[in-house]
Amino acid sequence: MFLSIASVTLASCASCWEALPPRASGSRPTVQVHSRWSERVPYNEALAWQRHLLAERVAALRAGEASPSDSLLLMQHPPVLTLGTSSTLDNVRSDAPPFELVRTERGGEVTYHGPGQLVVYPILDLRAYKQDVHWYMRALEEVAARVVRSVGLPAGRIDGLTGVWIGDAKVCAIGVKLSRWVTMHGLALNVDVDLRDFAHIVPCGIADRPVTSLRRELEARGDWPLVAAAEDADASDVGPTARPAGGEAGSGGEAGSGAAAEASMAAVQALLLRHFADVFDAELVEVDEPHV
């Protein structure tokens, strides 16, 4: 977990996340989507981008000026370990880890980012949604849980732990920072990540629970890789692709690479955008603009 806020079990989900009240016609906030989900954006580049967008929002608020639009950044990262503000090196299992180690301003313990993991950074002014950090964390969990359920897997919460779980294995880590109610950092959903890379750390400081990925869970039952269905599909709106000749689905090669991995990631990011728009009752607009 990135931020030490208690979660609740799926059975009591209604008490941990509440849908926003219906908005008046035309009053949905606009969120600009910067979609780089197919790229491996260096972590420090993404961090500078987030800080720039956050600073713009906060400066406008302090000056009493109109705020820039909310933003949603989607991407993958090259392998990197990140530490929260209060974390130590106690949960790094190697004196010389093979990946870059970056300390960030989010809360919580050490985590891993890498190819095949969809990372989502919302830069939102929560005054347009709900000024409640607990609600926001639960809303991010709700988005990820809906994505997991949309591919046919059970998604739950574990009492006292932040994130989204399949059984007792963590599939999505969540952590945020807020400044004047503007958010940064976000969630990391394991789609087709190489789970062996987590062996270099105690993920989120939780030693007695494993991590998993959508690929691991779906491949076990022959439903991997994924392919996006028709645009008007509802509920369970992705499914398995045909098997490649002469091998198992997703077999061979680096996790997060190849045509099957890209198709699966495309399907998941489309689901995530759809569920984010629903949970936050926002209008998503994809933009293609220069960034820091």
C-alpha atoms as a PDB file:
ATOM      1  CA  MET A   1       0.000   0.000   0.000  1.00  0.00           C
ATOM      2  CA  PHE A   2       1.196   3.501  -0.764  1.00  0.00           C
ATOM      3  CA  LEU A   3      -0.936   5.342   1.796  1.00  0.00           C
ATOM      4  CA  SER A   4      -1.836   3.869   5.147  1.00  0.00           C
ATOM      5  CA  ILE A   5      -5.599   4.201   5.036  1.00  0.00           C
ATOM      6  CA  ALA A   6      -7.648   1.169   6.024  1.00  0.00           C
ATOM      7  CA  SER A   7      -9.658  -0.694   3.415  1.00  0.00           C
ATOM      8  CA  VAL A   8     -12.673  -2.888   4.058  1.00  0.00           C
ATOM      9  CA  THR A   9     -13.727  -6.240   2.721  1.00  0.00           C
ATOM     10  CA  LEU A  10     -15.701  -6.492  -0.495  1.00  0.00           C
ATOM     11  CA  ALA A  11     -18.741  -7.552   1.481  1.00  0.00           C
ATOM     12  CA  SER A  12     -18.875  -4.118   3.124  1.00  0.00           C
ATOM     13  CA  CYS A  13     -17.957  -2.229  -0.045  1.00  0.00           C
ATOM     14  CA  ALA A  14     -21.090  -0.099   0.060  1.00  0.00           C
ATOM     15  CA  SER A  15     -19.914   1.478   3.311  1.00  0.00           C
ATOM     16  CA  CYS A  16     -16.431   2.339   2.013  1.00  0.00           C
ATOM     17  CA  TRP A  17     -17.259   3.935  -1.317  1.00  0.00           C
ATOM     18  CA  GLU A  18     -20.355   5.927  -2.114  1.00  0.00           C
ATOM     19  CA  ALA A  19     -21.326   7.054  -5.587  1.00  0.00           C
ATOM     20  CA  LEU A  20     -21.375  10.787  -6.116  1.00  0.00           C
ATOM     21  CA  PRO A  21     -24.788  12.485  -6.147  1.00  0.00           C
ATOM     22  CA  PRO A  22     -26.187  12.933  -9.666  1.00  0.00           C
ATOM     23  CA  ARG A  23     -24.829  16.056 -11.332  1.00  0.00           C
ATOM     24  CA  ALA A  24     -26.964  18.638 -13.084  1.00  0.00           C
ATOM     25  CA  SER A  25     -27.008  18.400 -16.874  1.00  0.00           C
ATOM     26  CA  GLY A  26     -23.806  19.743 -18.385  1.00  0.00           C
ATOM     27  CA  SER A  27     -22.012  20.035 -15.022  1.00  0.00           C
ATOM     28  CA  ARG A  28     -19.710  17.017 -15.268  1.00  0.00           C
ATOM     29  CA  PRO A  29     -16.057  18.027 -14.792  1.00  0.00           C
ATOM     30  CA  THR A  30     -13.781  17.621 -17.811  1.00  0.00           C
ATOM     31  CA  VAL A  31     -10.674  15.480 -17.383  1.00  0.00           C
ATOM     32  CA  GLN A  32      -7.981  15.691 -20.044  1.00  0.00           C
ATOM     33  CA  VAL A  33      -6.557  12.229 -20.748  1.00  0.00           C
ATOM     34  CA  HIS A  34      -2.877  12.066 -21.657  1.00  0.00           C
ATOM     35  CA  SER A  35      -2.691   8.521 -22.975  1.00  0.00           C
ATOM     36  CA  ARG A  36       0.823   7.102 -23.145  1.00  0.00           C
ATOM     37  CA  TRP A  37      -0.185   3.641 -21.951  1.00  0.00           C
ATOM     38  CA  SER A  38       1.782   1.914 -24.713  1.00  0.00           C
ATOM     39  CA  GLU A  39       5.023   3.737 -23.783  1.00  0.00           C
ATOM     40  CA  ARG A  40       7.582   3.098 -21.056  1.00  0.00           C
ATOM     41  CA  VAL A  41       7.924   6.574 -19.625  1.00  0.00           C
ATOM     42  CA  PRO A  42      10.896   7.031 -17.264  1.00  0.00           C
ATOM     43  CA  TYR A  43       9.619   7.433 -13.719  1.00  0.00           C
ATOM     44  CA  ASN A  44      11.386  10.741 -13.081  1.00  0.00           C
ATOM     45  CA  GLU A  45       9.914  12.179 -16.277  1.00  0.00           C
ATOM     46  CA  ALA A  46       6.423  11.201 -15.144  1.00  0.00           C
ATOM     47  CA  LEU A  47       7.078  12.616 -11.677  1.00  0.00           C
ATOM     48  CA  ALA A  48       8.187  15.967 -13.137  1.00  0.00           C
ATOM     49  CA  TRP A  49       5.084  15.995 -15.340  1.00  0.00           C
ATOM     50  CA  GLN A  50       2.807  15.419 -12.342  1.00  0.00           C
ATOM     51  CA  ARG A  51       4.558  18.076 -10.286  1.00  0.00           C
ATOM     52  CA  HIS A  52       4.208  20.580 -13.113  1.00  0.00           C
ATOM     53  CA  LEU A  53       0.472  19.963 -13.484  1.00  0.00           C
ATOM     54  CA  LEU A  54      -0.045  20.077  -9.714  1.00  0.00           C
ATOM     55  CA  ALA A  55       1.902  23.338  -9.400  1.00  0.00           C
ATOM     56  CA  GLU A  56      -0.203  24.922 -12.154  1.00  0.00           C
ATOM     57  CA  ARG A  57      -3.409  23.975 -10.356  1.00  0.00           C
ATOM     58  CA  VAL A  58      -2.214  25.142  -6.937  1.00  0.00           C
ATOM     59  CA  ALA A  59      -0.840  28.438  -8.289  1.00  0.00           C
ATOM     60  CA  ALA A  60      -4.181  29.190  -9.947  1.00  0.00           C
ATOM     61  CA  LEU A  61      -6.041  28.403  -6.729  1.00  0.00           C
ATOM     62  CA  ARG A  62      -3.794  30.665  -4.675  1.00  0.00           C
ATOM     63  CA  ALA A  63      -4.223  33.491  -7.175  1.00  0.00           C
ATOM     64  CA  GLY A  64      -7.983  33.059  -7.304  1.00  0.00           C
ATOM     65  CA  GLU A  65      -7.790  32.358 -11.027  1.00  0.00           C
ATOM     66  CA  ALA A  66      -9.665  29.822 -13.120  1.00  0.00           C
ATOM     67  CA  SER A  67      -8.089  26.411 -12.632  1.00  0.00           C
ATOM     68  CA  PRO A  68      -6.687  24.387 -15.540  1.00  0.00           C
ATOM     69  CA  SER A  69      -8.631  21.253 -16.420  1.00  0.00           C
ATOM     70  CA  ASP A  70      -8.127  18.079 -14.428  1.00  0.00           C
ATOM     71  CA  SER A  71      -5.731  15.575 -15.995  1.00  0.00           C
ATOM     72  CA  LEU A  72      -5.336  11.819 -16.159  1.00  0.00           C
ATOM     73  CA  LEU A  73      -1.956  10.390 -17.158  1.00  0.00           C
ATOM     74  CA  LEU A  74      -1.697   6.755 -18.317  1.00  0.00           C
ATOM     75  CA  MET A  75       1.614   4.996 -18.932  1.00  0.00           C
ATOM     76  CA  GLN A  76       4.019   2.180 -18.152  1.00  0.00           C
ATOM     77  CA  HIS A  77       7.454   2.626 -16.597  1.00  0.00           C
ATOM     78  CA  PRO A  78      10.806   0.959 -17.118  1.00  0.00           C
ATOM     79  CA  PRO A  79      11.704  -1.107 -14.011  1.00  0.00           C
ATOM     80  CA  VAL A  80      11.983   1.177 -10.950  1.00  0.00           C
ATOM     81  CA  LEU A  81      11.537   0.960  -7.177  1.00  0.00           C
ATOM     82  CA  THR A  82       9.874   3.868  -5.396  1.00  0.00           C
ATOM     83  CA  LEU A  83       9.814   4.773  -1.708  1.00  0.00           C
ATOM     84  CA  GLY A  84       7.189   6.816   0.104  1.00  0.00           C
ATOM     85  CA  THR A  85       7.999   9.749   2.366  1.00  0.00           C
ATOM     86  CA  SER A  86       8.168   7.697   5.559  1.00  0.00           C
ATOM     87  CA  SER A  87       9.560   4.435   4.173  1.00  0.00           C
ATOM     88  CA  THR A  88      13.032   3.096   4.902  1.00  0.00           C
ATOM     89  CA  LEU A  89      15.260   0.635   3.074  1.00  0.00           C
ATOM     90  CA  ASP A  90      14.200  -2.147   5.451  1.00  0.00           C
ATOM     91  CA  ASN A  91      11.832  -3.565   2.834  1.00  0.00           C
ATOM     92  CA  VAL A  92      14.395  -3.529   0.025  1.00  0.00           C
ATOM     93  CA  ARG A  93      15.793  -7.052  -0.019  1.00  0.00           C
ATOM     94  CA  SER A  94      19.083  -6.203  -1.736  1.00  0.00           C
ATOM     95  CA  ASP A  95      21.884  -3.825  -0.785  1.00  0.00           C
ATOM     96  CA  ALA A  96      22.311  -3.146  -4.497  1.00  0.00           C
ATOM     97  CA  PRO A  97      18.896  -3.581  -6.198  1.00  0.00           C
ATOM     98  CA  PRO A  98      19.081  -3.957  -9.994  1.00  0.00           C
ATOM     99  CA  PHE A  99      16.643  -1.098 -10.586  1.00  0.00           C
ATOM    100  CA  GLU A 100      16.740   2.637  -9.961  1.00  0.00           C
ATOM    101  CA  LEU A 101      15.471   3.620  -6.517  1.00  0.00           C
ATOM    102  CA  VAL A 102      13.464   6.851  -6.283  1.00  0.00           C
ATOM    103  CA  ARG A 103      12.013   8.525  -3.202  1.00  0.00           C
ATOM    104  CA  THR A 104       8.709  10.271  -3.836  1.00  0.00           C
ATOM    105  CA  GLU A 105       6.286  12.470  -1.912  1.00  0.00           C
ATOM    106  CA  ARG A 106       3.552   9.857  -1.680  1.00  0.00           C
ATOM    107  CA  GLY A 107       2.898   8.039   1.584  1.00  0.00           C
ATOM    108  CA  GLY A 108       3.558   4.393   2.231  1.00  0.00           C
ATOM    109  CA  GLU A 109       6.263   1.834   1.638  1.00  0.00           C
ATOM    110  CA  VAL A 110       8.388   0.596  -1.245  1.00  0.00           C
ATOM    111  CA  THR A 111       6.767  -0.612  -4.455  1.00  0.00           C
ATOM    112  CA  TYR A 112       7.829  -1.697  -7.930  1.00  0.00           C
ATOM    113  CA  HIS A 113       6.810  -0.322 -11.322  1.00  0.00           C
ATOM    114  CA  GLY A 114       7.687  -1.986 -14.600  1.00  0.00           C
ATOM    115  CA  PRO A 115       6.596  -2.953 -18.111  1.00  0.00           C
ATOM    116  CA  GLY A 116       3.203  -4.607 -18.265  1.00  0.00           C
ATOM    117  CA  GLN A 117       1.894  -2.577 -15.338  1.00  0.00           C
ATOM    118  CA  LEU A 118      -0.649   0.115 -16.175  1.00  0.00           C
ATOM    119  CA  VAL A 119       0.095   3.208 -14.085  1.00  0.00           C
ATOM    120  CA  VAL A 120      -2.538   5.934 -13.769  1.00  0.00           C
ATOM    121  CA  TYR A 121      -1.887   9.374 -12.300  1.00  0.00           C
ATOM    122  CA  PRO A 122      -5.014  11.530 -11.758  1.00  0.00           C
ATOM    123  CA  ILE A 123      -4.428  15.260 -11.206  1.00  0.00           C
ATOM    124  CA  LEU A 124      -7.832  16.199  -9.843  1.00  0.00           C
ATOM    125  CA  ASP A 125      -9.263  19.032  -7.787  1.00  0.00           C
ATOM    126  CA  LEU A 126     -11.374  17.039  -5.339  1.00  0.00           C
ATOM    127  CA  ARG A 127     -13.646  20.014  -4.746  1.00  0.00           C
ATOM    128  CA  ALA A 128     -15.318  19.018  -8.011  1.00  0.00           C
ATOM    129  CA  TYR A 129     -15.909  15.504  -6.650  1.00  0.00           C
ATOM    130  CA  LYS A 130     -15.766  15.046  -2.875  1.00  0.00           C
ATOM    131  CA  GLN A 131     -13.363  16.652  -0.406  1.00  0.00           C
ATOM    132  CA  ASP A 132     -12.575  13.444   1.407  1.00  0.00           C
ATOM    133  CA  VAL A 133      -9.243  11.612   1.121  1.00  0.00           C
ATOM    134  CA  HIS A 134     -10.766   8.351   2.358  1.00  0.00           C
ATOM    135  CA  TRP A 135     -13.477   8.562  -0.303  1.00  0.00           C
ATOM    136  CA  TYR A 136     -10.880   9.285  -2.979  1.00  0.00           C
ATOM    137  CA  MET A 137      -8.770   6.260  -2.068  1.00  0.00           C
ATOM    138  CA  ARG A 138     -11.836   4.060  -2.090  1.00  0.00           C
ATOM    139  CA  ALA A 139     -12.905   5.543  -5.441  1.00  0.00           C
ATOM    140  CA  LEU A 140      -9.553   4.600  -6.999  1.00  0.00           C
ATOM    141  CA  GLU A 141      -9.973   1.096  -5.576  1.00  0.00           C
ATOM    142  CA  GLU A 142     -13.459   0.994  -7.072  1.00  0.00           C
ATOM    143  CA  VAL A 143     -12.127   1.880 -10.531  1.00  0.00           C
ATOM    144  CA  ALA A 144      -9.489  -0.865 -10.406  1.00  0.00           C
ATOM    145  CA  ALA A 145     -11.911  -3.421  -8.936  1.00  0.00           C
ATOM    146  CA  ARG A 146     -14.391  -2.792 -11.750  1.00  0.00           C
ATOM    147  CA  VAL A 147     -11.638  -3.342 -14.311  1.00  0.00           C
ATOM    148  CA  VAL A 148     -10.693  -6.660 -12.685  1.00  0.00           C
ATOM    149  CA  ARG A 149     -14.307  -7.788 -12.559  1.00  0.00           C
ATOM    150  CA  SER A 150     -14.822  -6.743 -16.200  1.00  0.00           C
ATOM    151  CA  VAL A 151     -12.270  -9.326 -17.313  1.00  0.00           C
ATOM    152  CA  GLY A 152     -14.075 -12.001 -15.333  1.00  0.00           C
ATOM    153  CA  LEU A 153     -12.013 -12.107 -12.148  1.00  0.00           C
ATOM    154  CA  PRO A 154     -13.128 -11.564  -8.530  1.00  0.00           C
ATOM    155  CA  ALA A 155     -11.902  -8.304  -7.056  1.00  0.00           C
ATOM    156  CA  GLY A 156     -11.938  -7.516  -3.364  1.00  0.00           C
ATOM    157  CA  ARG A 157     -10.555  -5.440  -0.547  1.00  0.00           C
ATOM    158  CA  ILE A 158      -8.789  -6.735   2.543  1.00  0.00           C
ATOM    159  CA  ASP A 159      -9.603  -5.214   5.890  1.00  0.00           C
ATOM    160  CA  GLY A 160      -6.863  -2.818   6.989  1.00  0.00           C
ATOM    161  CA  LEU A 161      -4.963  -2.851   3.669  1.00  0.00           C
ATOM    162  CA  THR A 162      -5.129  -0.425   0.760  1.00  0.00           C
ATOM    163  CA  GLY A 163      -5.407  -1.707  -2.814  1.00  0.00           C
ATOM    164  CA  VAL A 164      -7.322  -4.286  -4.829  1.00  0.00           C
ATOM    165  CA  TRP A 165      -6.881  -8.022  -4.323  1.00  0.00           C
ATOM    166  CA  ILE A 166      -7.708 -11.281  -6.069  1.00  0.00           C
ATOM    167  CA  GLY A 167      -8.059 -13.648  -3.141  1.00  0.00           C
ATOM    168  CA  ASP A 168      -5.096 -12.857  -0.890  1.00  0.00           C
ATOM    169  CA  ALA A 169      -2.869 -11.643  -3.763  1.00  0.00           C
ATOM    170  CA  LYS A 170      -2.509  -7.947  -4.546  1.00  0.00           C
ATOM    171  CA  VAL A 171      -3.194  -6.934  -8.138  1.00  0.00           C
ATOM    172  CA  CYS A 172      -3.351  -3.147  -7.747  1.00  0.00           C
ATOM    173  CA  ALA A 173      -1.422  -0.773  -5.490  1.00  0.00           C
ATOM    174  CA  ILE A 174      -2.706   2.718  -4.731  1.00  0.00           C
ATOM    175  CA  GLY A 175      -1.053   5.782  -3.252  1.00  0.00           C
ATOM    176  CA  VAL A 176      -1.609   9.516  -3.459  1.00  0.00           C
ATOM    177  CA  LYS A 177      -0.499  12.942  -2.352  1.00  0.00           C
ATOM    178  CA  LEU A 178      -2.825  15.930  -2.004  1.00  0.00           C
ATOM    179  CA  SER A 179      -2.006  19.635  -2.019  1.00  0.00           C
ATOM    180  CA  ARG A 180      -4.890  22.089  -1.462  1.00  0.00           C
ATOM    181  CA  TRP A 181      -7.217  19.204  -2.424  1.00  0.00           C
ATOM    182  CA  VAL A 182      -5.410  18.626  -5.724  1.00  0.00           C
ATOM    183  CA  THR A 183      -4.227  15.028  -6.164  1.00  0.00           C
ATOM    184  CA  MET A 184      -1.135  13.428  -7.646  1.00  0.00           C
ATOM    185  CA  HIS A 185       0.284   9.876  -7.845  1.00  0.00           C
ATOM    186  CA  GLY A 186      -2.437   7.240  -8.188  1.00  0.00           C
ATOM    187  CA  LEU A 187      -2.743   3.533  -8.957  1.00  0.00           C
ATOM    188  CA  ALA A 188      -0.652   0.769 -10.515  1.00  0.00           C
ATOM    189  CA  LEU A 189      -2.529  -2.223 -11.954  1.00  0.00           C
ATOM    190  CA  ASN A 190      -0.542  -5.384 -12.701  1.00  0.00           C
ATOM    191  CA  VAL A 191      -1.678  -6.461 -16.153  1.00  0.00           C
ATOM    192  CA  ASP A 192       1.219  -8.400 -17.712  1.00  0.00           C
ATOM    193  CA  VAL A 193       4.097  -7.436 -15.437  1.00  0.00           C
ATOM    194  CA  ASP A 194       7.034  -9.759 -14.689  1.00  0.00           C
ATOM    195  CA  LEU A 195       6.154 -10.743 -11.125  1.00  0.00           C
ATOM    196  CA  ARG A 196       9.698 -11.986 -10.473  1.00  0.00           C
ATOM    197  CA  ASP A 197      10.805  -8.351 -10.243  1.00  0.00           C
ATOM    198  CA  PHE A 198       8.837  -7.941  -7.014  1.00  0.00           C
ATOM    199  CA  ALA A 199      11.261 -10.380  -5.351  1.00  0.00           C
ATOM    200  CA  HIS A 200      13.705  -7.511  -4.808  1.00  0.00           C
ATOM    201  CA  ILE A 201      11.382  -5.887  -2.251  1.00  0.00           C
ATOM    202  CA  VAL A 202       8.765  -6.623   0.375  1.00  0.00           C
ATOM    203  CA  PRO A 203       5.941  -5.105  -1.707  1.00  0.00           C
ATOM    204  CA  CYS A 204       4.249  -2.299   0.191  1.00  0.00           C
ATOM    205  CA  GLY A 205       5.865  -3.702   3.358  1.00  0.00           C
ATOM    206  CA  ILE A 206       3.466  -6.685   3.377  1.00  0.00           C
ATOM    207  CA  ALA A 207       5.563  -9.835   3.727  1.00  0.00           C
ATOM    208  CA  ASP A 208       2.812 -12.431   4.144  1.00  0.00           C
ATOM    209  CA  ARG A 209       0.772 -11.783   0.997  1.00  0.00           C
ATOM    210  CA  PRO A 210       1.841 -12.293  -2.634  1.00  0.00           C
ATOM    211  CA  VAL A 211       1.349 -10.049  -5.646  1.00  0.00           C
ATOM    212  CA  THR A 212      -0.379 -11.210  -8.810  1.00  0.00           C
ATOM    213  CA  SER A 213      -1.342  -9.960 -12.255  1.00  0.00           C
ATOM    214  CA  LEU A 214      -4.298 -10.220 -14.581  1.00  0.00           C
ATOM    215  CA  ARG A 215      -2.158 -12.367 -16.850  1.00  0.00           C
ATOM    216  CA  ARG A 216      -1.305 -14.876 -14.103  1.00  0.00           C
ATOM    217  CA  GLU A 217      -4.916 -15.207 -13.006  1.00  0.00           C
ATOM    218  CA  LEU A 218      -6.403 -15.404 -16.508  1.00  0.00           C
ATOM    219  CA  GLU A 219      -3.702 -17.585 -18.031  1.00  0.00           C
ATOM    220  CA  ALA A 220      -4.388 -20.228 -15.379  1.00  0.00           C
ATOM    221  CA  ARG A 221      -7.829 -20.764 -16.876  1.00  0.00           C
ATOM    222  CA  GLY A 222      -6.914 -20.230 -20.534  1.00  0.00           C
ATOM    223  CA  ASP A 223      -8.360 -16.735 -20.907  1.00  0.00           C
ATOM    224  CA  TRP A 224      -5.168 -14.902 -21.833  1.00  0.00           C
ATOM    225  CA  PRO A 225      -4.364 -12.770 -23.830  1.00  0.00           C
ATOM    226  CA  LEU A 226      -7.290 -10.350 -23.924  1.00  0.00           C
ATOM    227  CA  VAL A 227      -8.819  -8.503 -26.824  1.00  0.00           C
ATOM    228  CA  ALA A 228     -11.139  -5.513 -26.757  1.00  0.00           C
ATOM    229  CA  ALA A 229     -14.738  -6.231 -27.732  1.00  0.00           C
ATOM    230  CA  ALA A 230     -17.160  -3.981 -29.591  1.00  0.00           C
ATOM    231  CA  GLU A 231     -17.564  -0.400 -28.428  1.00  0.00           C
ATOM    232  CA  ASP A 232     -21.168  -0.951 -27.343  1.00  0.00           C
ATOM    233  CA  ALA A 233     -20.310  -3.979 -25.220  1.00  0.00           C
ATOM    234  CA  ASP A 234     -21.336  -3.838 -21.590  1.00  0.00           C
ATOM    235  CA  ALA A 235     -20.459  -5.626 -18.329  1.00  0.00           C
ATOM    236  CA  SER A 236     -17.914  -8.277 -19.273  1.00  0.00           C
ATOM    237  CA  ASP A 237     -16.524  -6.465 -22.328  1.00  0.00           C
ATOM    238  CA  VAL A 238     -13.202  -8.110 -23.022  1.00  0.00           C
ATOM    239  CA  GLY A 239     -12.366 -11.721 -23.701  1.00  0.00           C
ATOM    240  CA  PRO A 240      -9.554 -14.063 -24.687  1.00  0.00           C
ATOM    241  CA  THR A 241      -7.927 -13.899 -28.099  1.00  0.00           C
ATOM    242  CA  ALA A 242      -7.226 -16.961 -30.222  1.00  0.00           C
ATOM    243  CA  ARG A 243      -4.260 -19.094 -29.191  1.00  0.00           C
ATOM    244  CA  PRO A 244      -1.053 -18.554 -31.151  1.00  0.00           C
ATOM    245  CA  ALA A 245      -0.175 -21.622 -33.204  1.00  0.00           C
ATOM    246  CA  GLY A 246       2.200 -24.026 -31.500  1.00  0.00           C
ATOM    247  CA  GLY A 247       2.091 -22.559 -28.009  1.00  0.00           C
ATOM    248  CA  GLU A 248       0.124 -21.343 -25.034  1.00  0.00           C
ATOM    249  CA  ALA A 249      -1.378 -17.873 -24.931  1.00  0.00           C
ATOM    250  CA  GLY A 250       1.155 -15.355 -23.757  1.00  0.00           C
ATOM    251  CA  SER A 251       3.991 -17.869 -23.693  1.00  0.00           C
ATOM    252  CA  GLY A 252       7.564 -16.805 -24.375  1.00  0.00           C
ATOM    253  CA  GLY A 253       9.157 -13.380 -24.399  1.00  0.00           C
ATOM    254  CA  GLU A 254       9.324 -10.624 -21.869  1.00  0.00           C
ATOM    255  CA  ALA A 255       6.242  -9.792 -19.844  1.00  0.00           C
ATOM    256  CA  GLY A 256       4.618  -6.659 -21.178  1.00  0.00           C
ATOM    257  CA  SER A 257       6.063  -7.061 -24.697  1.00  0.00           C
ATOM    258  CA  GLY A 258       4.751  -8.346 -28.020  1.00  0.00           C
ATOM    259  CA  ALA A 259       1.494  -8.013 -29.952  1.00  0.00           C
ATOM    260  CA  ALA A 260      -0.554 -10.089 -27.480  1.00  0.00           C
ATOM    261  CA  ALA A 261       0.655  -8.023 -24.533  1.00  0.00           C
ATOM    262  CA  GLU A 262      -0.092  -4.767 -26.343  1.00  0.00           C
ATOM    263  CA  ALA A 263      -3.596  -5.935 -27.276  1.00  0.00           C
ATOM    264  CA  SER A 264      -4.245  -6.969 -23.681  1.00  0.00           C
ATOM    265  CA  MET A 265      -2.956  -3.669 -22.324  1.00  0.00           C
ATOM    266  CA  ALA A 266      -5.100  -1.768 -24.833  1.00  0.00           C
ATOM    267  CA  ALA A 267      -8.182  -3.659 -23.658  1.00  0.00           C
ATOM    268  CA  VAL A 268      -7.441  -2.975 -19.995  1.00  0.00           C
ATOM    269  CA  GLN A 269      -6.708   0.724 -20.433  1.00  0.00           C
ATOM    270  CA  ALA A 270      -9.971   1.148 -22.362  1.00  0.00           C
ATOM    271  CA  LEU A 271     -11.841  -0.490 -19.495  1.00  0.00           C
ATOM    272  CA  LEU A 272     -10.045   1.665 -16.953  1.00  0.00           C
ATOM    273  CA  LEU A 273     -11.014   4.886 -18.728  1.00  0.00           C
ATOM    274  CA  ARG A 274     -14.633   3.767 -18.954  1.00  0.00           C
ATOM    275  CA  HIS A 275     -14.828   2.892 -15.270  1.00  0.00           C
ATOM    276  CA  PHE A 276     -12.932   6.013 -14.184  1.00  0.00           C
ATOM    277  CA  ALA A 277     -15.469   8.177 -16.036  1.00  0.00           C
ATOM    278  CA  ASP A 278     -18.318   6.336 -14.310  1.00  0.00           C
ATOM    279  CA  VAL A 279     -16.891   6.357 -10.777  1.00  0.00           C
ATOM    280  CA  PHE A 280     -15.860  10.023 -10.905  1.00  0.00           C
ATOM    281  CA  ASP A 281     -18.862  11.049 -13.054  1.00  0.00           C
ATOM    282  CA  ALA A 282     -16.510  12.961 -15.343  1.00  0.00           C
ATOM    283  CA  GLU A 283     -16.211  13.715 -19.038  1.00  0.00           C
ATOM    284  CA  LEU A 284     -12.928  12.324 -20.373  1.00  0.00           C
ATOM    285  CA  VAL A 285     -11.324  14.087 -23.330  1.00  0.00           C
ATOM    286  CA  GLU A 286      -8.177  12.647 -24.862  1.00  0.00           C
ATOM    287  CA  VAL A 287      -5.585  15.270 -25.718  1.00  0.00           C
ATOM    288  CA  ASP A 288      -2.275  15.162 -27.533  1.00  0.00           C
ATOM    289  CA  GLU A 289      -0.269  18.047 -26.168  1.00  0.00           C
ATOM    290  CA  PRO A 290       3.369  18.654 -25.268  1.00  0.00           C
ATOM    291  CA  HIS A 291       4.230  17.961 -21.642  1.00  0.00           C
ATOM    292  CA  VAL A 292       7.048  18.675 -19.251  1.00  0.00           C
END
